[in-house]
Amino acid sequence: MGGSHSQFTEDELEDYQELTYFTKKEILHVHKRFSQLSPEQVAADKNAKLPKDKIMDLAELKVNPFKDRICDVFSSSGDGDMTFEDFLDMMSVFSDNAPKNVKVEYAFRIYDFDEDDMISDKDLEEVINRLTGEQKLDDKDMKQLIENIMAETDLDNDNLLSFAEFEHVMSKAPDFVYSFRIRL
């Protein structure tokens, strides 16, 4: 097997570099990570569409309680399956070089489970359940926590978090960018 540089033309690498927060060398490294998820499939087609369960095998996603939502949000087909370009987009957004506003936009989409462009109490309940794992909160504590979150963040008191409200909260969370990343 030749050098991985031969996988892409110089023009393709330049396009990918322009569309991501990666250098050409980092793009080739991301492709190597992609191909390690399904070597035979990617050897046959550098932009093969890998099933969601293969993508979730990525070490950094395996332990993430939102791995299925991450795949769904970055999948161009919306089913969690990813082409290399989808995977490259995901890795780019989770890279250290992606600006905070881009990370916040994707975090909002990941937490918006019903995909209605608002974060509702049901969405928050799902986020909390995933974060607490086996130590589920009882109904009373869950209700209280959601009420507290909404009291702090729901600026227009409609019991929904709009993107603007979510963005406002994230602007006050300096450590957010450090938790929303995957290192190459």
N, C-alpha and C. Protein backbone atom coordinates (compact mmCIF):
# COMPACT_ATOMS: atom_id res chain seq x y z
N MET A 1 0.86 -1.18 0.00
CA MET A 1 0.00 0.00 0.00
C MET A 1 0.89 1.23 0.00
N GLY A 2 0.67 2.13 -0.93
CA GLY A 2 1.50 3.32 -1.05
C GLY A 2 1.25 4.30 0.07
N GLY A 3 1.93 5.44 0.01
CA GLY A 3 1.74 6.47 1.03
C GLY A 3 0.31 6.98 1.01
N SER A 4 -0.18 7.36 2.16
CA SER A 4 -1.58 7.79 2.23
C SER A 4 -1.80 9.10 1.48
N HIS A 5 -0.72 9.82 1.17
CA HIS A 5 -0.85 11.08 0.42
C HIS A 5 -1.47 10.81 -0.95
N SER A 6 -1.19 9.60 -1.52
CA SER A 6 -1.72 9.27 -2.83
C SER A 6 -3.24 9.07 -2.82
N GLN A 7 -3.84 8.96 -1.62
CA GLN A 7 -5.29 8.81 -1.51
C GLN A 7 -6.02 10.04 -2.06
N PHE A 8 -5.44 11.21 -1.91
CA PHE A 8 -6.09 12.46 -2.29
C PHE A 8 -5.23 13.25 -3.25
N THR A 9 -5.87 13.97 -4.15
CA THR A 9 -5.12 14.88 -5.02
C THR A 9 -4.77 16.13 -4.19
N GLU A 10 -3.84 16.89 -4.68
CA GLU A 10 -3.46 18.13 -4.00
C GLU A 10 -4.67 19.07 -3.92
N ASP A 11 -5.48 19.11 -5.00
CA ASP A 11 -6.69 19.95 -5.01
C ASP A 11 -7.68 19.53 -3.93
N GLU A 12 -7.87 18.21 -3.77
CA GLU A 12 -8.78 17.72 -2.74
C GLU A 12 -8.30 18.13 -1.35
N LEU A 13 -7.00 17.97 -1.12
CA LEU A 13 -6.44 18.35 0.18
C LEU A 13 -6.60 19.84 0.43
N GLU A 14 -6.38 20.64 -0.60
CA GLU A 14 -6.55 22.09 -0.45
C GLU A 14 -8.00 22.45 -0.15
N ASP A 15 -8.95 21.77 -0.82
CA ASP A 15 -10.37 22.00 -0.54
C ASP A 15 -10.70 21.64 0.90
N TYR A 16 -10.24 20.46 1.34
CA TYR A 16 -10.50 20.02 2.71
C TYR A 16 -9.89 20.99 3.71
N GLN A 17 -8.70 21.48 3.41
CA GLN A 17 -8.03 22.42 4.31
C GLN A 17 -8.83 23.72 4.43
N GLU A 18 -9.39 24.16 3.29
CA GLU A 18 -10.18 25.39 3.28
C GLU A 18 -11.48 25.24 4.06
N LEU A 19 -12.04 24.03 4.07
CA LEU A 19 -13.35 23.77 4.68
C LEU A 19 -13.28 23.30 6.13
N THR A 20 -12.06 23.09 6.63
CA THR A 20 -11.91 22.58 8.00
C THR A 20 -10.93 23.46 8.78
N TYR A 21 -10.66 23.03 10.00
CA TYR A 21 -9.68 23.72 10.84
C TYR A 21 -8.39 22.91 10.90
N PHE A 22 -8.11 22.14 9.82
CA PHE A 22 -6.95 21.25 9.78
C PHE A 22 -5.95 21.65 8.71
N THR A 23 -4.70 21.25 8.94
CA THR A 23 -3.66 21.33 7.92
C THR A 23 -3.78 20.09 7.03
N LYS A 24 -3.09 20.08 5.90
CA LYS A 24 -3.12 18.91 5.02
C LYS A 24 -2.61 17.67 5.75
N LYS A 25 -1.57 17.83 6.52
CA LYS A 25 -1.02 16.69 7.27
C LYS A 25 -2.05 16.15 8.26
N GLU A 26 -2.77 17.04 8.94
CA GLU A 26 -3.80 16.61 9.89
C GLU A 26 -4.96 15.92 9.17
N ILE A 27 -5.30 16.41 7.97
CA ILE A 27 -6.37 15.78 7.18
C ILE A 27 -5.99 14.35 6.85
N LEU A 28 -4.75 14.13 6.45
CA LEU A 28 -4.28 12.77 6.15
C LEU A 28 -4.31 11.90 7.41
N HIS A 29 -4.00 12.49 8.55
CA HIS A 29 -4.06 11.74 9.80
C HIS A 29 -5.51 11.37 10.14
N VAL A 30 -6.44 12.30 9.92
CA VAL A 30 -7.86 12.02 10.16
C VAL A 30 -8.32 10.89 9.23
N HIS A 31 -7.85 10.90 7.99
CA HIS A 31 -8.23 9.82 7.07
C HIS A 31 -7.67 8.48 7.55
N LYS A 32 -6.48 8.50 8.09
CA LYS A 32 -5.89 7.27 8.64
C LYS A 32 -6.78 6.75 9.78
N ARG A 33 -7.22 7.65 10.67
CA ARG A 33 -8.11 7.26 11.78
C ARG A 33 -9.42 6.69 11.23
N PHE A 34 -9.95 7.33 10.17
CA PHE A 34 -11.19 6.86 9.54
C PHE A 34 -10.99 5.46 8.98
N SER A 35 -9.90 5.27 8.27
CA SER A 35 -9.68 3.97 7.63
C SER A 35 -9.42 2.86 8.65
N GLN A 36 -8.90 3.20 9.83
CA GLN A 36 -8.68 2.19 10.86
C GLN A 36 -10.00 1.63 11.40
N LEU A 37 -11.09 2.35 11.21
CA LEU A 37 -12.40 1.89 11.67
C LEU A 37 -12.95 0.76 10.79
N SER A 38 -12.56 0.74 9.52
CA SER A 38 -12.98 -0.31 8.59
C SER A 38 -12.00 -0.36 7.42
N PRO A 39 -10.82 -0.95 7.66
CA PRO A 39 -9.73 -0.91 6.67
C PRO A 39 -10.11 -1.40 5.26
N GLU A 40 -10.82 -2.52 5.17
CA GLU A 40 -11.14 -3.07 3.84
C GLU A 40 -12.08 -2.15 3.08
N GLN A 41 -13.09 -1.67 3.78
CA GLN A 41 -14.10 -0.80 3.16
C GLN A 41 -13.47 0.50 2.66
N VAL A 42 -12.59 1.10 3.46
CA VAL A 42 -11.98 2.38 3.09
C VAL A 42 -10.90 2.18 2.02
N ALA A 43 -10.23 1.02 2.03
CA ALA A 43 -9.24 0.73 0.99
C ALA A 43 -9.92 0.67 -0.38
N ALA A 44 -11.15 0.16 -0.40
CA ALA A 44 -11.90 0.05 -1.66
C ALA A 44 -12.46 1.41 -2.10
N ASP A 45 -12.76 2.27 -1.14
CA ASP A 45 -13.36 3.59 -1.45
C ASP A 45 -12.96 4.56 -0.34
N LYS A 46 -12.08 5.52 -0.66
CA LYS A 46 -11.55 6.42 0.37
C LYS A 46 -12.63 7.23 1.07
N ASN A 47 -13.80 7.39 0.41
CA ASN A 47 -14.91 8.14 1.02
C ASN A 47 -16.08 7.21 1.30
N ALA A 48 -15.76 5.97 1.65
CA ALA A 48 -16.81 4.98 1.95
C ALA A 48 -17.71 5.50 3.06
N LYS A 49 -18.94 5.03 3.05
CA LYS A 49 -19.88 5.40 4.11
C LYS A 49 -19.84 4.29 5.16
N LEU A 50 -19.34 4.64 6.36
CA LEU A 50 -19.23 3.66 7.43
C LEU A 50 -20.47 3.70 8.32
N PRO A 51 -20.93 2.53 8.77
CA PRO A 51 -22.10 2.50 9.65
C PRO A 51 -21.80 3.15 11.00
N LYS A 52 -22.85 3.68 11.59
CA LYS A 52 -22.79 4.37 12.87
C LYS A 52 -22.06 3.55 13.94
N ASP A 53 -22.32 2.24 14.00
CA ASP A 53 -21.68 1.42 15.04
C ASP A 53 -20.16 1.36 14.86
N LYS A 54 -19.69 1.44 13.62
CA LYS A 54 -18.23 1.48 13.38
C LYS A 54 -17.66 2.82 13.85
N ILE A 55 -18.36 3.92 13.57
CA ILE A 55 -17.90 5.26 13.97
C ILE A 55 -17.84 5.34 15.50
N MET A 56 -18.83 4.75 16.16
CA MET A 56 -18.88 4.80 17.62
C MET A 56 -17.78 3.94 18.26
N ASP A 57 -17.06 3.16 17.43
CA ASP A 57 -15.90 2.40 17.92
C ASP A 57 -14.67 3.28 18.11
N LEU A 58 -14.70 4.49 17.57
CA LEU A 58 -13.59 5.43 17.76
C LEU A 58 -13.38 5.60 19.26
N ALA A 59 -12.15 5.41 19.70
CA ALA A 59 -11.85 5.40 21.15
C ALA A 59 -12.44 6.61 21.89
N GLU A 60 -12.34 7.79 21.29
CA GLU A 60 -12.82 9.01 21.96
C GLU A 60 -14.34 9.06 22.04
N LEU A 61 -15.03 8.37 21.15
CA LEU A 61 -16.49 8.36 21.18
C LEU A 61 -17.04 7.24 22.05
N LYS A 62 -16.31 6.14 22.11
CA LYS A 62 -16.78 4.96 22.84
C LYS A 62 -17.30 5.28 24.23
N VAL A 63 -16.61 6.18 24.92
CA VAL A 63 -16.95 6.50 26.31
C VAL A 63 -17.86 7.73 26.43
N ASN A 64 -18.22 8.32 25.30
CA ASN A 64 -19.03 9.54 25.33
C ASN A 64 -20.52 9.19 25.40
N PRO A 65 -21.23 9.68 26.42
CA PRO A 65 -22.64 9.33 26.54
C PRO A 65 -23.52 9.90 25.41
N PHE A 66 -22.96 10.77 24.59
CA PHE A 66 -23.71 11.38 23.49
C PHE A 66 -23.24 10.87 22.13
N LYS A 67 -22.51 9.75 22.11
CA LYS A 67 -21.89 9.27 20.87
C LYS A 67 -22.91 9.06 19.73
N ASP A 68 -24.09 8.55 20.06
CA ASP A 68 -25.10 8.34 19.02
C ASP A 68 -25.59 9.67 18.45
N ARG A 69 -25.80 10.66 19.32
CA ARG A 69 -26.25 11.98 18.86
C ARG A 69 -25.15 12.66 18.05
N ILE A 70 -23.90 12.52 18.47
CA ILE A 70 -22.79 13.11 17.72
C ILE A 70 -22.79 12.55 16.31
N CYS A 71 -22.93 11.23 16.19
CA CYS A 71 -22.96 10.60 14.86
C CYS A 71 -24.15 11.11 14.05
N ASP A 72 -25.32 11.18 14.67
CA ASP A 72 -26.51 11.64 13.95
C ASP A 72 -26.34 13.08 13.44
N VAL A 73 -25.81 13.95 14.28
CA VAL A 73 -25.67 15.36 13.93
C VAL A 73 -24.66 15.57 12.80
N PHE A 74 -23.58 14.80 12.80
CA PHE A 74 -22.55 14.99 11.77
C PHE A 74 -22.79 14.16 10.51
N SER A 75 -23.73 13.25 10.56
CA SER A 75 -24.03 12.39 9.41
C SER A 75 -24.81 13.19 8.37
N SER A 76 -24.29 13.29 7.15
CA SER A 76 -25.00 14.04 6.11
C SER A 76 -26.30 13.36 5.71
N SER A 77 -26.40 12.05 5.95
CA SER A 77 -27.64 11.33 5.65
C SER A 77 -28.59 11.32 6.85
N GLY A 78 -28.13 11.83 8.00
CA GLY A 78 -28.98 11.95 9.18
C GLY A 78 -29.23 10.66 9.94
N ASP A 79 -28.62 9.56 9.50
CA ASP A 79 -28.85 8.26 10.15
C ASP A 79 -27.69 7.81 11.03
N GLY A 80 -26.67 8.67 11.15
CA GLY A 80 -25.51 8.33 11.97
C GLY A 80 -24.38 7.69 11.18
N ASP A 81 -24.68 7.18 9.99
CA ASP A 81 -23.62 6.63 9.15
C ASP A 81 -22.81 7.81 8.60
N MET A 82 -21.50 7.59 8.41
CA MET A 82 -20.66 8.72 7.98
C MET A 82 -19.74 8.37 6.82
N THR A 83 -19.65 9.32 5.90
CA THR A 83 -18.62 9.28 4.87
C THR A 83 -17.36 9.89 5.48
N PHE A 84 -16.25 9.83 4.74
CA PHE A 84 -15.04 10.46 5.25
C PHE A 84 -15.26 11.96 5.46
N GLU A 85 -15.98 12.60 4.56
CA GLU A 85 -16.21 14.04 4.70
C GLU A 85 -17.01 14.37 5.96
N ASP A 86 -18.00 13.53 6.29
CA ASP A 86 -18.75 13.71 7.54
C ASP A 86 -17.81 13.57 8.73
N PHE A 87 -16.99 12.52 8.68
CA PHE A 87 -16.04 12.23 9.76
C PHE A 87 -15.04 13.38 9.92
N LEU A 88 -14.57 13.90 8.79
CA LEU A 88 -13.63 15.02 8.79
C LEU A 88 -14.28 16.26 9.42
N ASP A 89 -15.54 16.51 9.08
CA ASP A 89 -16.27 17.64 9.68
C ASP A 89 -16.34 17.47 11.19
N MET A 90 -16.71 16.26 11.63
CA MET A 90 -16.83 16.00 13.07
C MET A 90 -15.49 16.24 13.77
N MET A 91 -14.43 15.65 13.22
CA MET A 91 -13.12 15.79 13.84
C MET A 91 -12.65 17.25 13.83
N SER A 92 -13.02 17.98 12.79
CA SER A 92 -12.64 19.38 12.69
C SER A 92 -13.33 20.21 13.77
N VAL A 93 -14.64 20.00 13.95
CA VAL A 93 -15.39 20.74 14.98
C VAL A 93 -14.86 20.41 16.37
N PHE A 94 -14.46 19.17 16.59
CA PHE A 94 -13.94 18.76 17.90
C PHE A 94 -12.45 19.05 18.07
N SER A 95 -11.81 19.65 17.05
CA SER A 95 -10.38 19.94 17.14
C SER A 95 -10.12 21.17 18.00
N ASP A 96 -8.90 21.29 18.47
CA ASP A 96 -8.52 22.46 19.27
C ASP A 96 -8.61 23.76 18.48
N ASN A 97 -8.50 23.68 17.15
CA ASN A 97 -8.50 24.88 16.32
C ASN A 97 -9.88 25.42 15.99
N ALA A 98 -10.92 24.63 16.22
CA ALA A 98 -12.28 25.10 15.92
C ALA A 98 -12.67 26.20 16.91
N PRO A 99 -13.26 27.29 16.42
CA PRO A 99 -13.66 28.38 17.33
C PRO A 99 -14.81 27.97 18.24
N LYS A 100 -14.89 28.62 19.37
CA LYS A 100 -15.91 28.30 20.37
C LYS A 100 -17.32 28.40 19.79
N ASN A 101 -17.60 29.41 18.97
CA ASN A 101 -18.96 29.57 18.44
C ASN A 101 -19.40 28.37 17.59
N VAL A 102 -18.46 27.76 16.88
CA VAL A 102 -18.77 26.56 16.08
C VAL A 102 -19.06 25.39 17.00
N LYS A 103 -18.25 25.23 18.04
CA LYS A 103 -18.45 24.15 19.01
C LYS A 103 -19.81 24.30 19.71
N VAL A 104 -20.15 25.54 20.07
CA VAL A 104 -21.43 25.80 20.75
C VAL A 104 -22.60 25.43 19.84
N GLU A 105 -22.51 25.77 18.57
CA GLU A 105 -23.58 25.45 17.62
C GLU A 105 -23.81 23.94 17.55
N TYR A 106 -22.74 23.18 17.48
CA TYR A 106 -22.88 21.72 17.40
C TYR A 106 -23.32 21.12 18.73
N ALA A 107 -22.86 21.66 19.83
CA ALA A 107 -23.32 21.18 21.14
C ALA A 107 -24.82 21.36 21.25
N PHE A 108 -25.32 22.51 20.82
CA PHE A 108 -26.76 22.77 20.85
C PHE A 108 -27.49 21.71 20.04
N ARG A 109 -27.01 21.42 18.84
CA ARG A 109 -27.67 20.42 17.98
C ARG A 109 -27.63 19.03 18.62
N ILE A 110 -26.53 18.70 19.28
CA ILE A 110 -26.39 17.39 19.94
C ILE A 110 -27.38 17.27 21.09
N TYR A 111 -27.56 18.33 21.86
CA TYR A 111 -28.45 18.30 23.03
C TYR A 111 -29.92 18.48 22.65
N ASP A 112 -30.19 18.91 21.43
CA ASP A 112 -31.57 19.08 20.96
C ASP A 112 -32.05 17.73 20.41
N PHE A 113 -32.42 16.83 21.31
CA PHE A 113 -32.74 15.45 20.93
C PHE A 113 -33.91 15.33 19.97
N ASP A 114 -34.93 16.17 20.13
CA ASP A 114 -36.09 16.07 19.24
C ASP A 114 -35.94 16.94 17.98
N GLU A 115 -34.79 17.58 17.85
CA GLU A 115 -34.41 18.35 16.66
C GLU A 115 -35.46 19.40 16.26
N ASP A 116 -35.98 20.11 17.28
CA ASP A 116 -36.96 21.17 16.99
C ASP A 116 -36.34 22.57 17.13
N ASP A 117 -35.01 22.63 17.17
CA ASP A 117 -34.26 23.89 17.29
C ASP A 117 -34.48 24.62 18.61
N MET A 118 -34.93 23.88 19.62
CA MET A 118 -35.08 24.40 20.98
C MET A 118 -34.68 23.28 21.94
N ILE A 119 -34.15 23.65 23.09
CA ILE A 119 -33.86 22.65 24.11
C ILE A 119 -34.98 22.75 25.15
N SER A 120 -35.77 21.69 25.22
CA SER A 120 -36.93 21.64 26.12
C SER A 120 -36.55 20.91 27.41
N ASP A 121 -37.52 20.86 28.33
CA ASP A 121 -37.26 20.12 29.56
C ASP A 121 -37.02 18.63 29.27
N LYS A 122 -37.66 18.09 28.24
CA LYS A 122 -37.44 16.68 27.85
C LYS A 122 -36.01 16.50 27.35
N ASP A 123 -35.52 17.46 26.54
CA ASP A 123 -34.13 17.39 26.07
C ASP A 123 -33.18 17.45 27.26
N LEU A 124 -33.45 18.38 28.19
CA LEU A 124 -32.60 18.50 29.38
C LEU A 124 -32.62 17.22 30.21
N GLU A 125 -33.77 16.61 30.34
CA GLU A 125 -33.88 15.36 31.10
C GLU A 125 -33.00 14.28 30.46
N GLU A 126 -33.01 14.22 29.13
CA GLU A 126 -32.18 13.24 28.42
C GLU A 126 -30.69 13.53 28.64
N VAL A 127 -30.31 14.81 28.56
CA VAL A 127 -28.91 15.20 28.80
C VAL A 127 -28.50 14.77 30.22
N ILE A 128 -29.33 15.09 31.20
CA ILE A 128 -29.01 14.77 32.60
C ILE A 128 -28.92 13.26 32.81
N ASN A 129 -29.87 12.51 32.24
CA ASN A 129 -29.83 11.05 32.37
C ASN A 129 -28.56 10.46 31.77
N ARG A 130 -28.15 11.00 30.64
CA ARG A 130 -26.92 10.48 30.01
C ARG A 130 -25.68 10.85 30.83
N LEU A 131 -25.70 12.04 31.41
CA LEU A 131 -24.54 12.46 32.21
C LEU A 131 -24.45 11.74 33.55
N THR A 132 -25.58 11.38 34.12
CA THR A 132 -25.57 10.72 35.43
C THR A 132 -25.42 9.21 35.30
N GLY A 133 -25.63 8.68 34.09
CA GLY A 133 -25.43 7.25 33.86
C GLY A 133 -26.30 6.40 34.77
N GLU A 134 -25.65 5.51 35.52
CA GLU A 134 -26.38 4.56 36.38
C GLU A 134 -26.99 5.24 37.60
N GLN A 135 -26.46 6.39 38.01
CA GLN A 135 -26.98 7.08 39.19
C GLN A 135 -28.11 8.02 38.79
N LYS A 136 -29.20 7.44 38.32
CA LYS A 136 -30.35 8.23 37.87
C LYS A 136 -30.94 9.04 39.03
N LEU A 137 -31.41 10.21 38.69
CA LEU A 137 -32.10 11.05 39.68
C LEU A 137 -33.55 10.59 39.80
N ASP A 138 -34.11 10.70 40.99
CA ASP A 138 -35.53 10.40 41.11
C ASP A 138 -36.32 11.56 40.49
N ASP A 139 -37.62 11.34 40.28
CA ASP A 139 -38.45 12.32 39.56
C ASP A 139 -38.42 13.70 40.21
N LYS A 140 -38.48 13.73 41.54
CA LYS A 140 -38.50 15.01 42.27
C LYS A 140 -37.20 15.78 42.05
N ASP A 141 -36.05 15.09 42.20
CA ASP A 141 -34.75 15.74 42.00
C ASP A 141 -34.56 16.18 40.55
N MET A 142 -35.02 15.35 39.61
CA MET A 142 -34.91 15.69 38.18
C MET A 142 -35.71 16.95 37.90
N LYS A 143 -36.93 16.99 38.37
CA LYS A 143 -37.81 18.15 38.16
C LYS A 143 -37.16 19.41 38.74
N GLN A 144 -36.62 19.30 39.96
CA GLN A 144 -35.99 20.44 40.63
C GLN A 144 -34.77 20.93 39.84
N LEU A 145 -33.94 19.98 39.38
CA LEU A 145 -32.74 20.35 38.62
C LEU A 145 -33.12 21.06 37.32
N ILE A 146 -34.09 20.52 36.61
CA ILE A 146 -34.52 21.15 35.35
C ILE A 146 -35.09 22.54 35.62
N GLU A 147 -35.89 22.68 36.68
CA GLU A 147 -36.42 24.01 37.04
C GLU A 147 -35.29 24.99 37.34
N ASN A 148 -34.27 24.52 38.07
CA ASN A 148 -33.12 25.38 38.39
C ASN A 148 -32.37 25.80 37.12
N ILE A 149 -32.16 24.84 36.22
CA ILE A 149 -31.46 25.14 34.96
C ILE A 149 -32.26 26.17 34.17
N MET A 150 -33.55 25.96 34.04
CA MET A 150 -34.39 26.89 33.27
C MET A 150 -34.44 28.27 33.93
N ALA A 151 -34.50 28.30 35.25
CA ALA A 151 -34.54 29.60 35.96
C ALA A 151 -33.28 30.41 35.66
N GLU A 152 -32.15 29.73 35.53
CA GLU A 152 -30.87 30.40 35.27
C GLU A 152 -30.69 30.78 33.80
N THR A 153 -31.24 29.98 32.88
CA THR A 153 -30.86 30.10 31.48
C THR A 153 -31.97 30.57 30.55
N ASP A 154 -33.22 30.34 30.90
CA ASP A 154 -34.36 30.67 30.04
C ASP A 154 -34.71 32.14 30.21
N LEU A 155 -34.08 32.99 29.42
CA LEU A 155 -34.19 34.44 29.59
C LEU A 155 -35.58 34.99 29.25
N ASP A 156 -36.28 34.34 28.33
CA ASP A 156 -37.61 34.84 27.95
C ASP A 156 -38.76 34.07 28.63
N ASN A 157 -38.42 33.20 29.55
CA ASN A 157 -39.41 32.45 30.35
C ASN A 157 -40.46 31.70 29.53
N ASP A 158 -40.01 31.05 28.44
CA ASP A 158 -40.95 30.25 27.64
C ASP A 158 -40.77 28.75 27.88
N ASN A 159 -39.97 28.41 28.90
CA ASN A 159 -39.68 27.01 29.24
C ASN A 159 -38.98 26.26 28.12
N LEU A 160 -38.27 26.98 27.28
CA LEU A 160 -37.46 26.41 26.21
C LEU A 160 -36.17 27.21 26.13
N LEU A 161 -35.08 26.53 25.76
CA LEU A 161 -33.83 27.25 25.52
C LEU A 161 -33.64 27.40 24.02
N SER A 162 -33.61 28.63 23.58
CA SER A 162 -33.31 28.90 22.17
C SER A 162 -31.80 28.80 22.00
N PHE A 163 -31.35 28.83 20.75
CA PHE A 163 -29.91 28.80 20.51
C PHE A 163 -29.24 30.01 21.16
N ALA A 164 -29.88 31.18 21.05
CA ALA A 164 -29.30 32.41 21.62
C ALA A 164 -29.12 32.28 23.14
N GLU A 165 -30.11 31.69 23.81
CA GLU A 165 -30.02 31.50 25.27
C GLU A 165 -28.91 30.50 25.61
N PHE A 166 -28.85 29.42 24.82
CA PHE A 166 -27.81 28.41 25.03
C PHE A 166 -26.42 29.02 24.82
N GLU A 167 -26.30 29.80 23.76
CA GLU A 167 -25.03 30.46 23.43
C GLU A 167 -24.62 31.41 24.56
N HIS A 168 -25.58 32.12 25.12
CA HIS A 168 -25.31 33.04 26.23
C HIS A 168 -24.76 32.28 27.44
N VAL A 169 -25.36 31.15 27.76
CA VAL A 169 -24.88 30.33 28.88
C VAL A 169 -23.46 29.83 28.60
N MET A 170 -23.24 29.35 27.38
CA MET A 170 -21.92 28.79 27.03
C MET A 170 -20.83 29.87 27.03
N SER A 171 -21.22 31.11 26.79
CA SER A 171 -20.22 32.20 26.80
C SER A 171 -19.66 32.38 28.21
N LYS A 172 -20.41 31.92 29.21
CA LYS A 172 -19.97 32.04 30.60
C LYS A 172 -19.30 30.76 31.11
N ALA A 173 -19.07 29.80 30.20
CA ALA A 173 -18.45 28.53 30.57
C ALA A 173 -17.08 28.43 29.91
N PRO A 174 -16.05 28.99 30.56
CA PRO A 174 -14.73 29.04 29.92
C PRO A 174 -14.12 27.66 29.66
N ASP A 175 -14.50 26.65 30.43
CA ASP A 175 -13.90 25.33 30.24
C ASP A 175 -14.63 24.49 29.19
N PHE A 176 -15.72 25.01 28.62
CA PHE A 176 -16.51 24.27 27.63
C PHE A 176 -15.64 23.78 26.47
N VAL A 177 -14.81 24.67 25.91
CA VAL A 177 -14.02 24.29 24.73
C VAL A 177 -13.06 23.14 25.03
N TYR A 178 -12.63 23.02 26.26
CA TYR A 178 -11.69 21.95 26.61
C TYR A 178 -12.38 20.61 26.76
N SER A 179 -13.67 20.63 27.06
CA SER A 179 -14.39 19.36 27.18
C SER A 179 -15.01 18.95 25.84
N PHE A 180 -15.13 19.88 24.91
CA PHE A 180 -15.75 19.60 23.62
C PHE A 180 -14.65 19.44 22.57
N ARG A 181 -13.83 18.40 22.74
CA ARG A 181 -12.74 18.21 21.78
C ARG A 181 -12.32 16.76 21.69
N ILE A 182 -11.71 16.44 20.56
CA ILE A 182 -11.07 15.16 20.31
C ILE A 182 -9.68 15.50 19.81
N ARG A 183 -8.69 14.99 20.48
CA ARG A 183 -7.30 15.24 20.06
C ARG A 183 -6.88 14.24 18.99
N LEU A 184 -6.12 14.73 18.00
CA LEU A 184 -5.61 13.83 16.96
C LEU A 184 -4.46 13.00 17.45
